[in-house]
Each structure stands twice: as C-alpha cells, then as structure tokens.
Amino acid sequence: MGLLTFSINVTLDGCVDHQEGIADDETHDFFTRLMDESGAMLWGRVTYEMMESYWPAVARGDVEAPPAMRDWAVKLEAQPKYVVSSTRKDFPWNNSHHIAGELRTGVQKLKDATPAGVLLGSGKLATALDRLDLIDEYKFLVHPRISGHGPTLYQGGLPSTRQLELVSLAPLRNGAVAMHYRRARLTTD
C-alpha cells in the first residue's frame, strides 16, 4: 500500500491561495520531484478544474513557459490523476479518473493500488481525508509571505490535533522552506 501525502503551497499565515506562493523554477522543480516520486495525483473537483484549465496548454506548448514549468506540465500530463467529485462525472484530461462512491473506500482503494504513493493537492479534500485518518504524510512548501486572507489550511477544522514527526526540512534559495512531516502514530505495547 502506498502512502497518501498531502502537499501544498502555504504562506506563513496559513493561506493556501495558489496565487500567493512564489511560482519560480525552484518551486516548480520541487513539486516536479514530488510528482516523480508518486504514483498518482489526487484532487478535488475545484483543484482539478483549475489545473485542467492551464497545464495541458503548457504541456502542448500553446502557452509560453520556462523550462521548469514545461517539465512539470509534461510530466503532469502523463501522471495518473484521480478526482473526487459528487457533481462532475466526466474528466477528459489525459489519464484522469473519477473516484465515485464512498470517500473512505475510494481513496483507500487508490492507496492500496498505488505502491509508489498518492500525492494529494487539494485543501478542502485534505480536510475531509484527514478527518477519515487517511493522510500519512505532509509535505508543505512554506512561503515567506503573509497574505492576510484565505482560504487557509484546514479552514474547515479537524476533530483533534494531529501529532506529527519531522522527517526533513530544507530551505530553498527563494526563501521558502520545504517541510516534510509524517503522522505520529500511537503504538500500544
């Protein structure tokens, strides 16, 4: 079974608005490496539609983009993409699949079928999946910005505090910090 890893850009004040992060080559290289290490992407419908509206055009070369963005787009085009949605059923973007039915069952089946792991990149979906105790790791790219607005990380709240163990911490040249945490699972002896 693969791990479910929640990864997202976040500002110092918790904002996860995709326009608030630093969108440079270093950031795109970071997320390309994460995607390369994963077997699939997982999004909610809103994130899927945002990604679908831009990245296929970059992959085709219809949009001018620096090499790091183009590399991300080309690899994303080939990567299996899974979407949770109760309102949309058709996902025509290359290699896209719908997760229908009960959320816990659908995502657990995806984890079981993806030994290389699943990379989750949607804030609202992450809240729902964390409430179901399905997220194993967190890889946040924390940007040196205070946005002063939302949406914010876990805006919908969680039923209890999540205890995490630091796996790694790496500063980027652009001032962002890559933080990798794993869920601290309580063990009984």
Protein backbone atom coordinates (compact mmCIF):
# COMPACT_ATOMS: atom_id res chain seq x y z
CA MET A 1 0.00 0.00 0.00
CA GLY A 2 1.26 3.45 -0.88
CA LEU A 3 1.25 6.47 1.38
CA LEU A 4 -1.13 9.37 0.93
CA THR A 5 0.92 12.57 1.07
CA PHE A 6 -0.73 15.97 1.34
CA SER A 7 1.42 18.61 -0.33
CA ILE A 8 0.56 22.24 -0.91
CA ASN A 9 1.98 25.76 -1.02
CA VAL A 10 1.19 27.68 2.14
CA THR A 11 2.08 31.16 3.40
CA LEU A 12 3.29 31.85 6.94
CA ASP A 13 -0.25 32.79 7.96
CA GLY A 14 -1.71 29.59 6.53
CA CYS A 15 -3.09 30.89 3.22
CA VAL A 16 -3.30 28.22 0.51
CA ASP A 17 -4.44 30.51 -2.33
CA HIS A 18 -2.45 29.24 -5.33
CA GLN A 19 -1.66 32.83 -6.36
CA GLU A 20 0.12 33.67 -3.10
CA GLY A 21 3.15 31.39 -3.42
CA ILE A 22 6.41 32.01 -5.26
CA ALA A 23 5.97 30.46 -8.70
CA ASP A 24 9.59 30.21 -9.85
CA ASP A 25 11.75 27.44 -11.31
CA GLU A 26 12.84 26.24 -7.88
CA THR A 27 9.24 25.84 -6.70
CA HIS A 28 8.23 24.00 -9.88
CA ASP A 29 11.31 21.75 -9.60
CA PHE A 30 10.30 20.91 -6.01
CA PHE A 31 6.79 19.85 -7.00
CA THR A 32 8.04 18.01 -10.09
CA ARG A 33 10.31 15.90 -7.84
CA LEU A 34 7.38 15.15 -5.54
CA MET A 35 5.27 14.11 -8.51
CA ASP A 36 8.11 11.95 -9.88
CA GLU A 37 8.24 10.12 -6.53
CA SER A 38 4.47 9.47 -6.54
CA GLY A 39 2.34 7.05 -8.49
CA ALA A 40 -0.73 9.28 -8.82
CA MET A 41 -2.19 12.71 -8.14
CA LEU A 42 -5.41 13.22 -6.14
CA TRP A 43 -7.54 16.35 -6.27
CA GLY A 44 -10.99 17.63 -5.57
CA ARG A 45 -13.06 18.91 -8.48
CA VAL A 46 -12.20 22.61 -7.99
CA THR A 47 -8.43 21.97 -7.99
CA TYR A 48 -8.77 19.60 -10.96
CA GLU A 49 -10.65 22.24 -12.96
CA MET A 50 -8.06 24.90 -12.10
CA MET A 51 -5.23 22.58 -13.20
CA GLU A 52 -7.12 21.36 -16.28
CA SER A 53 -7.71 24.94 -17.46
CA TYR A 54 -3.98 25.73 -17.70
CA TRP A 55 -1.44 22.89 -17.59
CA PRO A 56 -2.47 20.89 -20.69
CA ALA A 57 -1.89 24.02 -22.80
CA VAL A 58 1.58 24.43 -21.26
CA ALA A 59 2.37 20.76 -21.95
CA ARG A 60 1.30 21.18 -25.62
CA GLY A 61 3.44 24.30 -25.98
CA ASP A 62 0.42 26.56 -26.57
CA VAL A 63 1.49 28.78 -23.65
CA GLU A 64 4.94 30.33 -23.23
CA ALA A 65 6.56 28.88 -20.13
CA PRO A 66 10.05 28.49 -18.67
CA PRO A 67 11.62 25.01 -18.85
CA ALA A 68 10.80 24.09 -15.22
CA MET A 69 7.09 24.84 -15.78
CA ARG A 70 7.06 22.96 -19.07
CA ASP A 71 8.74 19.95 -17.41
CA TRP A 72 6.08 19.96 -14.67
CA ALA A 73 3.29 20.24 -17.26
CA VAL A 74 4.59 17.42 -19.48
CA LYS A 75 5.04 15.07 -16.54
CA LEU A 76 1.64 16.05 -15.13
CA GLU A 77 0.05 15.25 -18.48
CA ALA A 78 1.29 11.64 -18.23
CA GLN A 79 0.67 11.21 -14.48
CA PRO A 80 -2.50 9.38 -13.38
CA LYS A 81 -4.88 11.98 -11.95
CA TYR A 82 -7.77 11.00 -9.66
CA VAL A 83 -10.62 13.35 -8.87
CA VAL A 84 -13.17 13.27 -6.08
CA SER A 85 -16.41 14.93 -7.12
CA SER A 86 -20.09 14.44 -6.43
CA THR A 87 -21.15 16.93 -9.12
CA ARG A 88 -18.96 16.15 -12.11
CA LYS A 89 -18.57 12.72 -13.70
CA ASP A 90 -16.63 13.41 -16.92
CA PHE A 91 -12.89 14.12 -16.68
CA PRO A 92 -11.46 14.25 -20.22
CA TRP A 93 -7.94 15.45 -19.39
CA ASN A 94 -5.38 12.78 -20.27
CA ASN A 95 -5.11 9.96 -17.72
CA SER A 96 -7.83 11.37 -15.42
CA HIS A 97 -10.12 9.14 -13.38
CA HIS A 98 -13.16 9.75 -11.19
CA ILE A 99 -13.36 8.44 -7.64
CA ALA A 100 -17.05 7.87 -7.06
CA GLY A 101 -18.97 6.49 -4.14
CA GLU A 102 -17.95 6.50 -0.51
CA LEU A 103 -14.84 8.66 0.03
CA ARG A 104 -13.00 6.44 2.53
CA THR A 105 -13.44 3.32 0.38
CA GLY A 106 -12.48 5.03 -2.89
CA VAL A 107 -9.33 6.67 -1.56
CA GLN A 108 -8.26 3.57 0.38
CA LYS A 109 -8.58 1.50 -2.83
CA LEU A 110 -6.43 4.09 -4.63
CA LYS A 111 -3.76 3.92 -1.89
CA ASP A 112 -3.83 0.11 -1.98
CA ALA A 113 -3.43 0.08 -5.78
CA THR A 114 -0.62 2.68 -5.86
CA PRO A 115 2.56 1.36 -4.15
CA ALA A 116 4.54 4.48 -5.14
CA GLY A 117 2.06 6.59 -3.19
CA VAL A 118 -0.54 9.24 -3.93
CA LEU A 119 0.14 12.98 -3.88
CA LEU A 120 -2.86 14.98 -2.63
CA GLY A 121 -3.01 18.65 -3.60
CA SER A 122 -6.43 19.98 -2.56
CA GLY A 123 -7.05 21.80 0.71
CA LYS A 124 -10.75 21.03 1.23
CA LEU A 125 -10.29 17.40 0.21
CA ALA A 126 -7.33 17.15 2.59
CA THR A 127 -9.55 18.25 5.46
CA ALA A 128 -12.11 15.55 4.61
CA LEU A 129 -9.42 12.87 4.22
CA ASP A 130 -7.65 13.88 7.42
CA ARG A 131 -10.96 13.57 9.28
CA LEU A 132 -11.05 9.98 7.94
CA ASP A 133 -7.47 9.38 9.17
CA LEU A 134 -6.25 8.61 5.63
CA ILE A 135 -3.35 11.09 5.28
CA ASP A 136 0.05 9.60 6.14
CA GLU A 137 2.47 12.44 5.35
CA TYR A 138 2.55 16.19 4.83
CA LYS A 139 5.00 17.96 2.52
CA PHE A 140 4.33 21.66 2.76
CA LEU A 141 6.22 24.35 0.90
CA VAL A 142 6.01 27.30 3.31
CA HIS A 143 6.48 30.63 1.52
CA PRO A 144 7.95 33.73 3.19
CA ARG A 145 4.76 35.70 2.83
CA ILE A 146 1.87 36.84 4.96
CA SER A 147 -1.18 37.09 2.75
CA GLY A 148 -3.74 38.38 5.22
CA HIS A 149 -6.57 36.41 3.61
CA GLY A 150 -7.84 32.90 2.96
CA PRO A 151 -8.50 30.25 2.09
CA THR A 152 -6.41 28.82 4.87
CA LEU A 153 -5.02 25.41 5.66
CA TYR A 154 -7.65 23.25 7.40
CA GLN A 155 -10.12 26.11 7.35
CA GLY A 156 -12.93 23.61 7.97
CA GLY A 157 -11.26 22.38 11.14
CA LEU A 158 -10.32 18.93 12.42
CA PRO A 159 -11.83 17.00 15.33
CA SER A 160 -8.49 16.83 17.14
CA THR A 161 -4.87 17.93 16.97
CA ARG A 162 -2.61 15.92 14.65
CA GLN A 163 0.73 14.96 16.18
CA LEU A 164 3.49 14.97 13.54
CA GLU A 165 7.11 13.84 13.38
CA LEU A 166 9.60 15.94 11.42
CA VAL A 167 11.20 13.92 8.61
CA SER A 168 13.13 16.69 6.88
CA LEU A 169 13.43 20.42 6.50
CA ALA A 170 15.08 22.15 3.54
CA PRO A 171 15.31 25.87 2.80
CA LEU A 172 15.06 26.92 -0.83
CA ARG A 173 17.05 29.78 -2.34
CA ASN A 174 13.84 31.75 -2.88
CA GLY A 175 13.19 31.85 0.89
CA ALA A 176 10.54 29.12 1.00
CA VAL A 177 11.06 26.14 3.28
CA ALA A 178 10.16 22.56 2.33
CA MET A 179 8.80 20.80 5.39
CA HIS A 180 8.19 17.04 5.43
CA TYR A 181 6.21 15.60 8.33
CA ARG A 182 4.84 12.12 9.00
CA ARG A 183 1.82 11.33 11.16
CA ALA A 184 2.93 10.26 14.61
CA ARG A 185 1.01 7.03 15.05
CA LEU A 186 0.44 5.98 18.63
CA THR A 187 1.57 2.45 19.27
CA THR A 188 0.37 0.18 22.02
CA ASP A 189 2.79 -2.26 23.56
